Amino acid sequence: MPYVSAYAEPEPARAEIDALPGDTLLEFGAPWCPHCIGAQPLIAAAFGGRDGLRHLKIEDGPGRPLGRSFRIKLWPSLVLIRDGEERGRAVRPQSREDIEALLRD
């Protein structure tokens, strides 16, 4: 599954995320966030050649249960999940290498 540019509608439930097989990259952010906007080319580039990686872009904010369940504090936050278990995260990645390091786990 390639890089996804649109936020998921509706936000998936935590139980749905925990039940996903294989690797999933959760991207928490907001469409108006300048840090999130700036990170998009880095995230898209890091996805090159990773066809087996699922990408879910989740709009976060007050009252959003999925972000709270992952204790998200800053955007963008990238959380790598493998078979429902968190394998690592990158908060406000500054380079493609930051993201690729997360995806190598």
C-alpha atoms as a PDB file:
ATOM      1  CA  MET A   1       0.000   0.000   0.000  1.00  0.00           C
ATOM      2  CA  PRO A   2       1.552   3.333  -0.975  1.00  0.00           C
ATOM      3  CA  TYR A   3       1.828   6.666   0.798  1.00  0.00           C
ATOM      4  CA  VAL A   4      -1.626   8.142   1.527  1.00  0.00           C
ATOM      5  CA  SER A   5      -2.184  11.898   1.322  1.00  0.00           C
ATOM      6  CA  ALA A   6      -5.747  12.048   2.722  1.00  0.00           C
ATOM      7  CA  TYR A   7      -6.738  11.738   6.370  1.00  0.00           C
ATOM      8  CA  ALA A   8      -8.811   8.664   7.265  1.00  0.00           C
ATOM      9  CA  GLU A   9     -12.539   9.286   7.549  1.00  0.00           C
ATOM     10  CA  PRO A  10     -13.844   8.191   9.943  1.00  0.00           C
ATOM     11  CA  GLU A  11     -11.023   7.748  12.427  1.00  0.00           C
ATOM     12  CA  PRO A  12     -10.502   4.018  13.012  1.00  0.00           C
ATOM     13  CA  ALA A  13     -11.039   2.603  16.481  1.00  0.00           C
ATOM     14  CA  ARG A  14      -8.050   1.393  18.496  1.00  0.00           C
ATOM     15  CA  ALA A  15      -9.381  -2.182  18.318  1.00  0.00           C
ATOM     16  CA  GLU A  16      -9.282  -1.969  14.500  1.00  0.00           C
ATOM     17  CA  ILE A  17      -5.667  -0.776  14.572  1.00  0.00           C
ATOM     18  CA  ASP A  18      -4.651  -3.490  17.033  1.00  0.00           C
ATOM     19  CA  ALA A  19      -6.188  -6.152  14.753  1.00  0.00           C
ATOM     20  CA  LEU A  20      -4.317  -5.093  11.576  1.00  0.00           C
ATOM     21  CA  PRO A  21      -1.959  -7.774  10.274  1.00  0.00           C
ATOM     22  CA  GLY A  22       1.556  -6.898   9.137  1.00  0.00           C
ATOM     23  CA  ASP A  23       3.197  -3.487   9.194  1.00  0.00           C
ATOM     24  CA  THR A  24       1.247  -0.241   9.491  1.00  0.00           C
ATOM     25  CA  LEU A  25       2.578   3.293   9.763  1.00  0.00           C
ATOM     26  CA  LEU A  26       0.195   5.558  11.648  1.00  0.00           C
ATOM     27  CA  GLU A  27       0.734   9.235  10.917  1.00  0.00           C
ATOM     28  CA  PHE A  28      -0.902  11.543  13.469  1.00  0.00           C
ATOM     29  CA  GLY A  29      -1.277  15.211  12.574  1.00  0.00           C
ATOM     30  CA  ALA A  30      -3.621  17.903  11.317  1.00  0.00           C
ATOM     31  CA  PRO A  31      -4.152  19.318   7.806  1.00  0.00           C
ATOM     32  CA  TRP A  32      -3.416  22.885   8.964  1.00  0.00           C
ATOM     33  CA  CYS A  33      -0.256  22.029  10.968  1.00  0.00           C
ATOM     34  CA  PRO A  34       2.869  23.561   9.361  1.00  0.00           C
ATOM     35  CA  HIS A  35       5.102  20.781  10.765  1.00  0.00           C
ATOM     36  CA  CYS A  36       2.792  18.157   9.230  1.00  0.00           C
ATOM     37  CA  ILE A  37       2.677  19.923   5.873  1.00  0.00           C
ATOM     38  CA  GLY A  38       6.466  20.250   5.824  1.00  0.00           C
ATOM     39  CA  ALA A  39       6.951  16.562   6.603  1.00  0.00           C
ATOM     40  CA  GLN A  40       4.786  15.281   3.740  1.00  0.00           C
ATOM     41  CA  PRO A  41       7.548  15.161   1.089  1.00  0.00           C
ATOM     42  CA  LEU A  42       9.824  13.341   3.562  1.00  0.00           C
ATOM     43  CA  ILE A  43       7.160  10.768   4.413  1.00  0.00           C
ATOM     44  CA  ALA A  44       6.244  10.235   0.758  1.00  0.00           C
ATOM     45  CA  ALA A  45       9.913   9.759  -0.197  1.00  0.00           C
ATOM     46  CA  ALA A  46      10.498   7.284   2.631  1.00  0.00           C
ATOM     47  CA  PHE A  47       7.598   5.171   1.332  1.00  0.00           C
ATOM     48  CA  GLY A  48       9.346   4.499  -1.972  1.00  0.00           C
ATOM     49  CA  GLY A  49       9.637   0.752  -2.580  1.00  0.00           C
ATOM     50  CA  ARG A  50       7.727  -0.247   0.555  1.00  0.00           C
ATOM     51  CA  ASP A  51       4.698  -1.895  -1.009  1.00  0.00           C
ATOM     52  CA  GLY A  52       4.007  -4.113   2.005  1.00  0.00           C
ATOM     53  CA  LEU A  53       3.656  -1.166   4.382  1.00  0.00           C
ATOM     54  CA  ARG A  54       0.148   0.139   5.157  1.00  0.00           C
ATOM     55  CA  HIS A  55      -0.109   3.915   5.759  1.00  0.00           C
ATOM     56  CA  LEU A  56      -2.947   5.405   7.791  1.00  0.00           C
ATOM     57  CA  LYS A  57      -3.058   9.167   8.158  1.00  0.00           C
ATOM     58  CA  ILE A  58      -5.026  10.123  11.276  1.00  0.00           C
ATOM     59  CA  GLU A  59      -6.243  13.644  12.020  1.00  0.00           C
ATOM     60  CA  ASP A  60      -5.530  14.289  15.673  1.00  0.00           C
ATOM     61  CA  GLY A  61      -6.724  16.889  18.163  1.00  0.00           C
ATOM     62  CA  PRO A  62      -8.632  17.356  21.412  1.00  0.00           C
ATOM     63  CA  GLY A  63     -11.216  14.655  21.993  1.00  0.00           C
ATOM     64  CA  ARG A  64      -9.744  12.309  19.387  1.00  0.00           C
ATOM     65  CA  PRO A  65      -9.553   8.922  21.117  1.00  0.00           C
ATOM     66  CA  LEU A  66      -7.039   7.183  18.832  1.00  0.00           C
ATOM     67  CA  GLY A  67      -4.354   9.829  19.333  1.00  0.00           C
ATOM     68  CA  ARG A  68      -4.945   9.811  23.072  1.00  0.00           C
ATOM     69  CA  SER A  69      -4.634   6.027  23.196  1.00  0.00           C
ATOM     70  CA  PHE A  70      -1.145   6.370  21.659  1.00  0.00           C
ATOM     71  CA  ARG A  71      -0.255   9.332  23.948  1.00  0.00           C
ATOM     72  CA  ILE A  72       0.392  11.643  20.992  1.00  0.00           C
ATOM     73  CA  LYS A  73       1.675  15.053  22.115  1.00  0.00           C
ATOM     74  CA  LEU A  74       3.332  16.602  19.020  1.00  0.00           C
ATOM     75  CA  TRP A  75       2.591  16.476  15.297  1.00  0.00           C
ATOM     76  CA  PRO A  76       3.449  14.840  13.116  1.00  0.00           C
ATOM     77  CA  SER A  77       3.989  11.676  15.085  1.00  0.00           C
ATOM     78  CA  LEU A  78       4.686   8.493  13.142  1.00  0.00           C
ATOM     79  CA  VAL A  79       3.992   5.218  14.934  1.00  0.00           C
ATOM     80  CA  LEU A  80       5.069   1.923  13.378  1.00  0.00           C
ATOM     81  CA  ILE A  81       2.769  -0.977  14.282  1.00  0.00           C
ATOM     82  CA  ARG A  82       3.498  -4.620  13.466  1.00  0.00           C
ATOM     83  CA  ASP A  83       0.646  -7.079  14.006  1.00  0.00           C
ATOM     84  CA  GLY A  84      -0.983  -4.727  16.516  1.00  0.00           C
ATOM     85  CA  GLU A  85       2.174  -4.040  18.543  1.00  0.00           C
ATOM     86  CA  GLU A  86       4.044  -0.728  18.541  1.00  0.00           C
ATOM     87  CA  ARG A  87       7.559  -1.204  17.153  1.00  0.00           C
ATOM     88  CA  GLY A  88       8.755   2.411  17.232  1.00  0.00           C
ATOM     89  CA  ARG A  89       7.924   6.041  16.625  1.00  0.00           C
ATOM     90  CA  ALA A  90       9.320   9.225  15.165  1.00  0.00           C
ATOM     91  CA  VAL A  91       8.097  12.588  16.446  1.00  0.00           C
ATOM     92  CA  ARG A  92       8.498  15.606  14.163  1.00  0.00           C
ATOM     93  CA  PRO A  93      10.953  13.885  11.827  1.00  0.00           C
ATOM     94  CA  GLN A  94      13.412  16.342  10.285  1.00  0.00           C
ATOM     95  CA  SER A  95      14.727  14.173   7.448  1.00  0.00           C
ATOM     96  CA  ARG A  96      13.874  11.249   5.230  1.00  0.00           C
ATOM     97  CA  GLU A  97      16.574   9.324   7.108  1.00  0.00           C
ATOM     98  CA  ASP A  98      14.691   9.816  10.396  1.00  0.00           C
ATOM     99  CA  ILE A  99      11.663   8.114   8.852  1.00  0.00           C
ATOM    100  CA  GLU A 100      13.663   5.387   7.093  1.00  0.00           C
ATOM    101  CA  ALA A 101      15.363   4.524  10.391  1.00  0.00           C
ATOM    102  CA  LEU A 102      11.923   3.963  11.933  1.00  0.00           C
ATOM    103  CA  LEU A 103      10.812   1.825   8.983  1.00  0.00           C
ATOM    104  CA  ARG A 104      13.932  -0.386   9.172  1.00  0.00           C
ATOM    105  CA  ASP A 105      12.824  -1.753  12.544  1.00  0.00           C
END
